[in-house]
């Protein structure tokens, strides 16, 4: 069985060892053929606390780590430039 992986953007890092990642799903409307966007937020386990807000990350599905956490951080694809602007 293949492991599920998704790409998203970090929205929040306020919890310990947990980040909130926003993942967009784009699909075509079945009747109107317009491209629709649905977003969903996932709680992701970040063991080393290395992510910042705005980073693009690859997350991987894993066993349940808590009541809401079922994803873990696989790798950071690109760092955010938000911290350099502040």
PDB file of N, CA and C in Angstrom:
ATOM      1  N   UNK A   1       0.844  -1.180   0.000  1.00  0.00           N
ATOM      2  CA  UNK A   1       0.000   0.000   0.000  1.00  0.00           C
ATOM      3  C   UNK A   1       0.889   1.244   0.000  1.00  0.00           C
ATOM      4  N   UNK A   2       0.714   2.156  -0.960  1.00  0.00           N
ATOM      5  CA  UNK A   2       1.567   3.343  -1.014  1.00  0.00           C
ATOM      6  C   UNK A   2       1.246   4.336   0.108  1.00  0.00           C
ATOM      7  N   UNK A   3       2.275   5.069   0.505  1.00  0.00           N
ATOM      8  CA  UNK A   3       2.126   6.056   1.570  1.00  0.00           C
ATOM      9  C   UNK A   3       1.579   7.347   0.961  1.00  0.00           C
ATOM     10  N   UNK A   4       0.579   7.939   1.607  1.00  0.00           N
ATOM     11  CA  UNK A   4       0.008   9.181   1.111  1.00  0.00           C
ATOM     12  C   UNK A   4       0.923  10.343   1.466  1.00  0.00           C
ATOM     13  N   UNK A   5       1.180  11.216   0.490  1.00  0.00           N
ATOM     14  CA  UNK A   5       1.980  12.416   0.695  1.00  0.00           C
ATOM     15  C   UNK A   5       1.255  13.595   0.082  1.00  0.00           C
ATOM     16  N   UNK A   6       1.351  14.737   0.743  1.00  0.00           N
ATOM     17  CA  UNK A   6       0.708  15.951   0.253  1.00  0.00           C
ATOM     18  C   UNK A   6       1.661  17.126   0.424  1.00  0.00           C
ATOM     19  N   UNK A   7       1.486  18.140  -0.423  1.00  0.00           N
ATOM     20  CA  UNK A   7       2.286  19.360  -0.359  1.00  0.00           C
ATOM     21  C   UNK A   7       1.389  20.491   0.107  1.00  0.00           C
ATOM     22  N   UNK A   8       1.870  21.271   1.089  1.00  0.00           N
ATOM     23  CA  UNK A   8       1.079  22.369   1.605  1.00  0.00           C
ATOM     24  C   UNK A   8       1.945  23.476   2.163  1.00  0.00           C
ATOM     25  N   UNK A   9       1.290  24.501   2.715  1.00  0.00           N
ATOM     26  CA  UNK A   9       1.961  25.676   3.260  1.00  0.00           C
ATOM     27  C   UNK A   9       1.664  25.766   4.751  1.00  0.00           C
ATOM     28  N   UNK A  10       2.698  26.043   5.543  1.00  0.00           N
ATOM     29  CA  UNK A  10       2.550  26.148   6.994  1.00  0.00           C
ATOM     30  C   UNK A  10       1.792  27.430   7.332  1.00  0.00           C
ATOM     31  N   UNK A  11       0.732  27.277   8.135  1.00  0.00           N
ATOM     32  CA  UNK A  11      -0.118  28.403   8.521  1.00  0.00           C
ATOM     33  C   UNK A  11       0.150  28.838   9.956  1.00  0.00           C
ATOM     34  N   UNK A  12       0.460  27.866  10.836  1.00  0.00           N
ATOM     35  CA  UNK A  12       0.656  28.181  12.249  1.00  0.00           C
ATOM     36  C   UNK A  12       1.726  27.276  12.843  1.00  0.00           C
ATOM     37  N   UNK A  13       2.529  27.858  13.771  1.00  0.00           N
ATOM     38  CA  UNK A  13       3.552  27.092  14.482  1.00  0.00           C
ATOM     39  C   UNK A  13       3.476  27.360  15.981  1.00  0.00           C
ATOM     40  N   UNK A  14       2.298  27.652  16.498  1.00  0.00           N
ATOM     41  CA  UNK A  14       2.155  28.082  17.884  1.00  0.00           C
ATOM     42  C   UNK A  14       2.154  26.938  18.895  1.00  0.00           C
ATOM     43  N   UNK A  15       1.999  25.704  18.433  1.00  0.00           N
ATOM     44  CA  UNK A  15       1.990  24.558  19.344  1.00  0.00           C
ATOM     45  C   UNK A  15       3.376  23.924  19.402  1.00  0.00           C
ATOM     46  N   UNK A  16       3.621  23.158  20.446  1.00  0.00           N
ATOM     47  CA  UNK A  16       4.898  22.468  20.581  1.00  0.00           C
ATOM     48  C   UNK A  16       4.894  21.209  19.730  1.00  0.00           C
ATOM     49  N   UNK A  17       5.900  21.077  18.862  1.00  0.00           N
ATOM     50  CA  UNK A  17       6.080  19.916  17.980  1.00  0.00           C
ATOM     51  C   UNK A  17       4.892  19.673  17.058  1.00  0.00           C
ATOM     52  N   UNK A  18       4.073  20.684  16.821  1.00  0.00           N
ATOM     53  CA  UNK A  18       2.921  20.565  15.933  1.00  0.00           C
ATOM     54  C   UNK A  18       2.812  21.819  15.079  1.00  0.00           C
ATOM     55  N   UNK A  19       2.555  21.622  13.790  1.00  0.00           N
ATOM     56  CA  UNK A  19       2.312  22.745  12.881  1.00  0.00           C
ATOM     57  C   UNK A  19       0.970  22.523  12.201  1.00  0.00           C
ATOM     58  N   UNK A  20       0.377  23.603  11.724  1.00  0.00           N
ATOM     59  CA  UNK A  20      -0.862  23.526  10.963  1.00  0.00           C
ATOM     60  C   UNK A  20      -0.504  23.801   9.506  1.00  0.00           C
ATOM     61  N   UNK A  21      -0.882  22.874   8.627  1.00  0.00           N
ATOM     62  CA  UNK A  21      -0.548  22.975   7.217  1.00  0.00           C
ATOM     63  C   UNK A  21      -1.833  23.085   6.411  1.00  0.00           C
ATOM     64  N   UNK A  22      -1.872  24.084   5.500  1.00  0.00           N
ATOM     65  CA  UNK A  22      -3.021  24.284   4.619  1.00  0.00           C
ATOM     66  C   UNK A  22      -2.716  23.612   3.286  1.00  0.00           C
ATOM     67  N   UNK A  23      -3.614  22.718   2.855  1.00  0.00           N
ATOM     68  CA  UNK A  23      -3.434  21.993   1.605  1.00  0.00           C
ATOM     69  C   UNK A  23      -4.606  22.306   0.683  1.00  0.00           C
ATOM     70  N   UNK A  24      -4.282  22.724  -0.549  1.00  0.00           N
ATOM     71  CA  UNK A  24      -5.300  23.065  -1.533  1.00  0.00           C
ATOM     72  C   UNK A  24      -5.545  21.889  -2.459  1.00  0.00           C
ATOM     73  N   UNK A  25      -6.810  21.633  -2.744  1.00  0.00           N
ATOM     74  CA  UNK A  25      -7.199  20.601  -3.692  1.00  0.00           C
ATOM     75  C   UNK A  25      -7.923  21.281  -4.845  1.00  0.00           C
ATOM     76  N   UNK A  26      -7.365  21.219  -6.059  1.00  0.00           N
ATOM     77  CA  UNK A  26      -7.979  21.828  -7.234  1.00  0.00           C
ATOM     78  C   UNK A  26      -8.663  20.741  -8.058  1.00  0.00           C
ATOM     79  N   UNK A  27      -9.892  21.040  -8.501  1.00  0.00           N
ATOM     80  CA  UNK A  27     -10.633  20.084  -9.312  1.00  0.00           C
ATOM     81  C   UNK A  27     -11.587  20.846 -10.221  1.00  0.00           C
ATOM     82  N   UNK A  28     -12.031  20.174 -11.255  1.00  0.00           N
ATOM     83  CA  UNK A  28     -12.957  20.771 -12.203  1.00  0.00           C
ATOM     84  C   UNK A  28     -14.389  20.490 -11.756  1.00  0.00           C
ATOM     85  N   UNK A  29     -15.227  21.517 -11.814  1.00  0.00           N
ATOM     86  CA  UNK A  29     -16.632  21.353 -11.440  1.00  0.00           C
ATOM     87  C   UNK A  29     -17.297  20.406 -12.444  1.00  0.00           C
ATOM     88  N   UNK A  30     -18.075  19.427 -11.968  1.00  0.00           N
ATOM     89  CA  UNK A  30     -18.629  18.432 -12.886  1.00  0.00           C
ATOM     90  C   UNK A  30     -19.606  18.994 -13.931  1.00  0.00           C
ATOM     91  N   UNK A  31     -20.292  20.065 -13.604  1.00  0.00           N
ATOM     92  CA  UNK A  31     -21.278  20.620 -14.538  1.00  0.00           C
ATOM     93  C   UNK A  31     -20.739  21.839 -15.280  1.00  0.00           C
ATOM     94  N   UNK A  32     -20.125  22.779 -14.543  1.00  0.00           N
ATOM     95  CA  UNK A  32     -19.739  24.060 -15.130  1.00  0.00           C
ATOM     96  C   UNK A  32     -18.299  24.092 -15.639  1.00  0.00           C
ATOM     97  N   UNK A  33     -17.519  23.072 -15.389  1.00  0.00           N
ATOM     98  CA  UNK A  33     -16.125  22.950 -15.850  1.00  0.00           C
ATOM     99  C   UNK A  33     -15.217  24.063 -15.343  1.00  0.00           C
ATOM    100  N   UNK A  34     -15.630  24.757 -14.310  1.00  0.00           N
ATOM    101  CA  UNK A  34     -14.784  25.775 -13.696  1.00  0.00           C
ATOM    102  C   UNK A  34     -13.832  25.102 -12.716  1.00  0.00           C
ATOM    103  N   UNK A  35     -12.616  25.609 -12.632  1.00  0.00           N
ATOM    104  CA  UNK A  35     -11.659  25.064 -11.681  1.00  0.00           C
ATOM    105  C   UNK A  35     -12.016  25.553 -10.282  1.00  0.00           C
ATOM    106  N   UNK A  36     -12.282  24.608  -9.390  1.00  0.00           N
ATOM    107  CA  UNK A  36     -12.657  24.928  -8.019  1.00  0.00           C
ATOM    108  C   UNK A  36     -11.475  24.618  -7.113  1.00  0.00           C
ATOM    109  N   UNK A  37     -11.392  25.342  -5.983  1.00  0.00           N
ATOM    110  CA  UNK A  37     -10.331  25.132  -5.005  1.00  0.00           C
ATOM    111  C   UNK A  37     -10.971  24.860  -3.652  1.00  0.00           C
ATOM    112  N   UNK A  38     -10.607  23.739  -3.051  1.00  0.00           N
ATOM    113  CA  UNK A  38     -11.021  23.443  -1.678  1.00  0.00           C
ATOM    114  C   UNK A  38      -9.768  23.369  -0.836  1.00  0.00           C
ATOM    115  N   UNK A  39      -9.782  24.041   0.313  1.00  0.00           N
ATOM    116  CA  UNK A  39      -8.624  24.010   1.206  1.00  0.00           C
ATOM    117  C   UNK A  39      -8.991  23.252   2.469  1.00  0.00           C
ATOM    118  N   UNK A  40      -7.993  22.603   3.027  1.00  0.00           N
ATOM    119  CA  UNK A  40      -8.181  21.859   4.255  1.00  0.00           C
ATOM    120  C   UNK A  40      -6.935  22.033   5.112  1.00  0.00           C
ATOM    121  N   UNK A  41      -7.119  22.113   6.424  1.00  0.00           N
ATOM    122  CA  UNK A  41      -5.997  22.269   7.343  1.00  0.00           C
ATOM    123  C   UNK A  41      -5.748  20.945   8.063  1.00  0.00           C
ATOM    124  N   UNK A  42      -4.472  20.585   8.161  1.00  0.00           N
ATOM    125  CA  UNK A  42      -4.071  19.366   8.838  1.00  0.00           C
ATOM    126  C   UNK A  42      -3.098  19.703   9.959  1.00  0.00           C
ATOM    127  N   UNK A  43      -3.198  18.985  11.083  1.00  0.00           N
ATOM    128  CA  UNK A  43      -2.207  19.085  12.142  1.00  0.00           C
ATOM    129  C   UNK A  43      -1.094  18.108  11.812  1.00  0.00           C
ATOM    130  N   UNK A  44       0.145  18.601  11.792  1.00  0.00           N
ATOM    131  CA  UNK A  44       1.295  17.814  11.362  1.00  0.00           C
ATOM    132  C   UNK A  44       2.328  17.794  12.476  1.00  0.00           C
ATOM    133  N   UNK A  45       2.927  16.633  12.706  1.00  0.00           N
ATOM    134  CA  UNK A  45       3.952  16.474  13.731  1.00  0.00           C
ATOM    135  C   UNK A  45       5.298  16.963  13.193  1.00  0.00           C
ATOM    136  N   UNK A  46       5.899  17.930  13.891  1.00  0.00           N
ATOM    137  CA  UNK A  46       7.205  18.494  13.528  1.00  0.00           C
ATOM    138  C   UNK A  46       8.139  18.262  14.715  1.00  0.00           C
ATOM    139  N   UNK A  47       8.868  17.158  14.699  1.00  0.00           N
ATOM    140  CA  UNK A  47       9.677  16.733  15.844  1.00  0.00           C
ATOM    141  C   UNK A  47      10.748  17.750  16.223  1.00  0.00           C
ATOM    142  N   UNK A  48      11.463  18.306  15.253  1.00  0.00           N
ATOM    143  CA  UNK A  48      12.579  19.219  15.531  1.00  0.00           C
ATOM    144  C   UNK A  48      12.155  20.686  15.599  1.00  0.00           C
ATOM    145  N   UNK A  49      10.895  20.977  15.361  1.00  0.00           N
ATOM    146  CA  UNK A  49      10.367  22.349  15.357  1.00  0.00           C
ATOM    147  C   UNK A  49      11.182  23.244  14.429  1.00  0.00           C
ATOM    148  N   UNK A  50      11.362  22.808  13.186  1.00  0.00           N
ATOM    149  CA  UNK A  50      12.194  23.527  12.238  1.00  0.00           C
ATOM    150  C   UNK A  50      11.404  24.339  11.215  1.00  0.00           C
ATOM    151  N   UNK A  51      10.081  24.253  11.222  1.00  0.00           N
ATOM    152  CA  UNK A  51       9.260  24.974  10.246  1.00  0.00           C
ATOM    153  C   UNK A  51       8.889  26.362  10.751  1.00  0.00           C
ATOM    154  N   UNK A  52       8.681  27.261   9.807  1.00  0.00           N
ATOM    155  CA  UNK A  52       8.182  28.605  10.086  1.00  0.00           C
ATOM    156  C   UNK A  52       6.954  28.857   9.234  1.00  0.00           C
ATOM    157  N   UNK A  53       6.215  29.906   9.560  1.00  0.00           N
ATOM    158  CA  UNK A  53       5.015  30.243   8.813  1.00  0.00           C
ATOM    159  C   UNK A  53       5.402  30.596   7.381  1.00  0.00           C
ATOM    160  N   UNK A  54       4.670  30.041   6.419  1.00  0.00           N
ATOM    161  CA  UNK A  54       4.907  30.324   5.012  1.00  0.00           C
ATOM    162  C   UNK A  54       5.788  29.308   4.303  1.00  0.00           C
ATOM    163  N   UNK A  55       6.394  28.378   5.034  1.00  0.00           N
ATOM    164  CA  UNK A  55       7.229  27.352   4.406  1.00  0.00           C
ATOM    165  C   UNK A  55       6.357  26.382   3.611  1.00  0.00           C
ATOM    166  N   UNK A  56       6.901  25.921   2.484  1.00  0.00           N
ATOM    167  CA  UNK A  56       6.229  24.886   1.709  1.00  0.00           C
ATOM    168  C   UNK A  56       6.803  23.547   2.140  1.00  0.00           C
ATOM    169  N   UNK A  57       5.924  22.619   2.551  1.00  0.00           N
ATOM    170  CA  UNK A  57       6.379  21.362   3.143  1.00  0.00           C
ATOM    171  C   UNK A  57       5.713  20.168   2.469  1.00  0.00           C
ATOM    172  N   UNK A  58       6.381  19.025   2.584  1.00  0.00           N
ATOM    173  CA  UNK A  58       5.847  17.750   2.142  1.00  0.00           C
ATOM    174  C   UNK A  58       5.504  16.956   3.387  1.00  0.00           C
ATOM    175  N   UNK A  59       4.238  16.558   3.522  1.00  0.00           N
ATOM    176  CA  UNK A  59       3.799  15.816   4.695  1.00  0.00           C
ATOM    177  C   UNK A  59       3.420  14.403   4.291  1.00  0.00           C
ATOM    178  N   UNK A  60       3.520  13.482   5.254  1.00  0.00           N
ATOM    179  CA  UNK A  60       3.299  12.068   4.995  1.00  0.00           C
ATOM    180  C   UNK A  60       2.343  11.515   6.033  1.00  0.00           C
ATOM    181  N   UNK A  61       1.428  10.674   5.607  1.00  0.00           N
ATOM    182  CA  UNK A  61       0.473  10.071   6.525  1.00  0.00           C
ATOM    183  C   UNK A  61       1.178   9.051   7.416  1.00  0.00           C
ATOM    184  N   UNK A  62       0.762   8.979   8.683  1.00  0.00           N
ATOM    185  CA  UNK A  62       1.368   8.040   9.626  1.00  0.00           C
ATOM    186  C   UNK A  62       0.299   7.538  10.593  1.00  0.00           C
ATOM    187  N   UNK A  63       0.720   6.761  11.561  1.00  0.00           N
ATOM    188  CA  UNK A  63      -0.210   6.259  12.570  1.00  0.00           C
ATOM    189  C   UNK A  63      -0.734   7.427  13.409  1.00  0.00           C
ATOM    190  N   UNK A  64      -1.851   7.287  14.081  1.00  0.00           N
ATOM    191  CA  UNK A  64      -2.366   8.369  14.927  1.00  0.00           C
ATOM    192  C   UNK A  64      -1.391   8.702  16.059  1.00  0.00           C
ATOM    193  N   UNK A  65      -0.987   9.970  16.121  1.00  0.00           N
ATOM    194  CA  UNK A  65      -0.065  10.427  17.159  1.00  0.00           C
ATOM    195  C   UNK A  65      -0.804  11.092  18.315  1.00  0.00           C
ATOM    196  N   UNK A  66      -1.978  11.603  18.045  1.00  0.00           N
ATOM    197  CA  UNK A  66      -2.834  12.187  19.083  1.00  0.00           C
ATOM    198  C   UNK A  66      -4.269  12.152  18.557  1.00  0.00           C
ATOM    199  N   UNK A  67      -5.142  12.869  19.203  1.00  0.00           N
ATOM    200  CA  UNK A  67      -6.548  12.851  18.796  1.00  0.00           C
ATOM    201  C   UNK A  67      -6.729  13.352  17.367  1.00  0.00           C
ATOM    202  N   UNK A  68      -5.989  14.375  16.977  1.00  0.00           N
ATOM    203  CA  UNK A  68      -6.171  14.994  15.658  1.00  0.00           C
ATOM    204  C   UNK A  68      -4.970  14.840  14.729  1.00  0.00           C
ATOM    205  N   UNK A  69      -3.822  14.434  15.232  1.00  0.00           N
ATOM    206  CA  UNK A  69      -2.605  14.358  14.415  1.00  0.00           C
ATOM    207  C   UNK A  69      -2.451  12.985  13.771  1.00  0.00           C
ATOM    208  N   UNK A  70      -2.478  12.973  12.421  1.00  0.00           N
ATOM    209  CA  UNK A  70      -2.262  11.746  11.667  1.00  0.00           C
ATOM    210  C   UNK A  70      -1.241  11.948  10.557  1.00  0.00           C
ATOM    211  N   UNK A  71      -0.525  13.054  10.564  1.00  0.00           N
ATOM    212  CA  UNK A  71       0.447  13.385   9.537  1.00  0.00           C
ATOM    213  C   UNK A  71       1.764  13.775  10.203  1.00  0.00           C
ATOM    214  N   UNK A  72       2.876  13.512   9.518  1.00  0.00           N
ATOM    215  CA  UNK A  72       4.176  13.937  10.029  1.00  0.00           C
ATOM    216  C   UNK A  72       4.932  14.653   8.918  1.00  0.00           C
ATOM    217  N   UNK A  73       5.830  15.517   9.327  1.00  0.00           N
ATOM    218  CA  UNK A  73       6.628  16.292   8.387  1.00  0.00           C
ATOM    219  C   UNK A  73       7.650  15.380   7.719  1.00  0.00           C
ATOM    220  N   UNK A  74       7.664  15.370   6.399  1.00  0.00           N
ATOM    221  CA  UNK A  74       8.635  14.565   5.664  1.00  0.00           C
ATOM    222  C   UNK A  74       9.856  15.420   5.325  1.00  0.00           C
ATOM    223  N   UNK A  75       9.643  16.566   4.666  1.00  0.00           N
ATOM    224  CA  UNK A  75      10.739  17.498   4.413  1.00  0.00           C
ATOM    225  C   UNK A  75      10.205  18.871   4.065  1.00  0.00           C
ATOM    226  N   UNK A  76      11.075  19.864   4.215  1.00  0.00           N
ATOM    227  CA  UNK A  76      10.747  21.240   3.862  1.00  0.00           C
ATOM    228  C   UNK A  76      11.195  21.452   2.427  1.00  0.00           C
ATOM    229  N   UNK A  77      10.253  21.822   1.554  1.00  0.00           N
ATOM    230  CA  UNK A  77      10.576  22.019   0.145  1.00  0.00           C
ATOM    231  C   UNK A  77      11.174  23.391  -0.112  1.00  0.00           C
ATOM    232  N   UNK A  78      10.600  24.440   0.496  1.00  0.00           N
ATOM    233  CA  UNK A  78      11.164  25.784   0.351  1.00  0.00           C
ATOM    234  C   UNK A  78      10.875  26.595   1.610  1.00  0.00           C
ATOM    235  N   UNK A  79      11.869  27.341   2.036  1.00  0.00           N
ATOM    236  CA  UNK A  79      11.725  28.187   3.219  1.00  0.00           C
ATOM    237  C   UNK A  79      11.029  29.487   2.841  1.00  0.00           C
ATOM    238  N   UNK A  80      10.330  30.066   3.784  1.00  0.00           N
ATOM    239  CA  UNK A  80       9.620  31.318   3.567  1.00  0.00           C
ATOM    240  C   UNK A  80      10.571  32.495   3.662  1.00  0.00           C
ATOM    241  N   UNK A  81      10.264  33.536   2.921  1.00  0.00           N
ATOM    242  CA  UNK A  81      11.048  34.759   3.001  1.00  0.00           C
ATOM    243  C   UNK A  81      10.393  35.781   3.927  1.00  0.00           C
ATOM    244  N   UNK A  82       9.376  35.363   4.679  1.00  0.00           N
ATOM    245  CA  UNK A  82       8.682  36.286   5.576  1.00  0.00           C
ATOM    246  C   UNK A  82       9.574  36.754   6.713  1.00  0.00           C
ATOM    247  N   UNK A  83      10.442  35.886   7.234  1.00  0.00           N
ATOM    248  CA  UNK A  83      11.279  36.264   8.368  1.00  0.00           C
ATOM    249  C   UNK A  83      12.353  37.274   7.964  1.00  0.00           C
ATOM    250  N   UNK A  84      12.802  37.243   6.712  1.00  0.00           N
ATOM    251  CA  UNK A  84      13.812  38.193   6.275  1.00  0.00           C
ATOM    252  C   UNK A  84      13.239  39.587   6.089  1.00  0.00           C
ATOM    253  N   UNK A  85      11.914  39.676   5.860  1.00  0.00           N
ATOM    254  CA  UNK A  85      11.288  40.987   5.659  1.00  0.00           C
ATOM    255  C   UNK A  85      11.032  41.691   6.977  1.00  0.00           C
ATOM    256  N   UNK A  86      10.892  40.960   8.078  1.00  0.00           N
ATOM    257  CA  UNK A  86      10.557  41.588   9.368  1.00  0.00           C
ATOM    258  C   UNK A  86      11.733  42.258  10.026  1.00  0.00           C
TER     259      UNK A  86
END
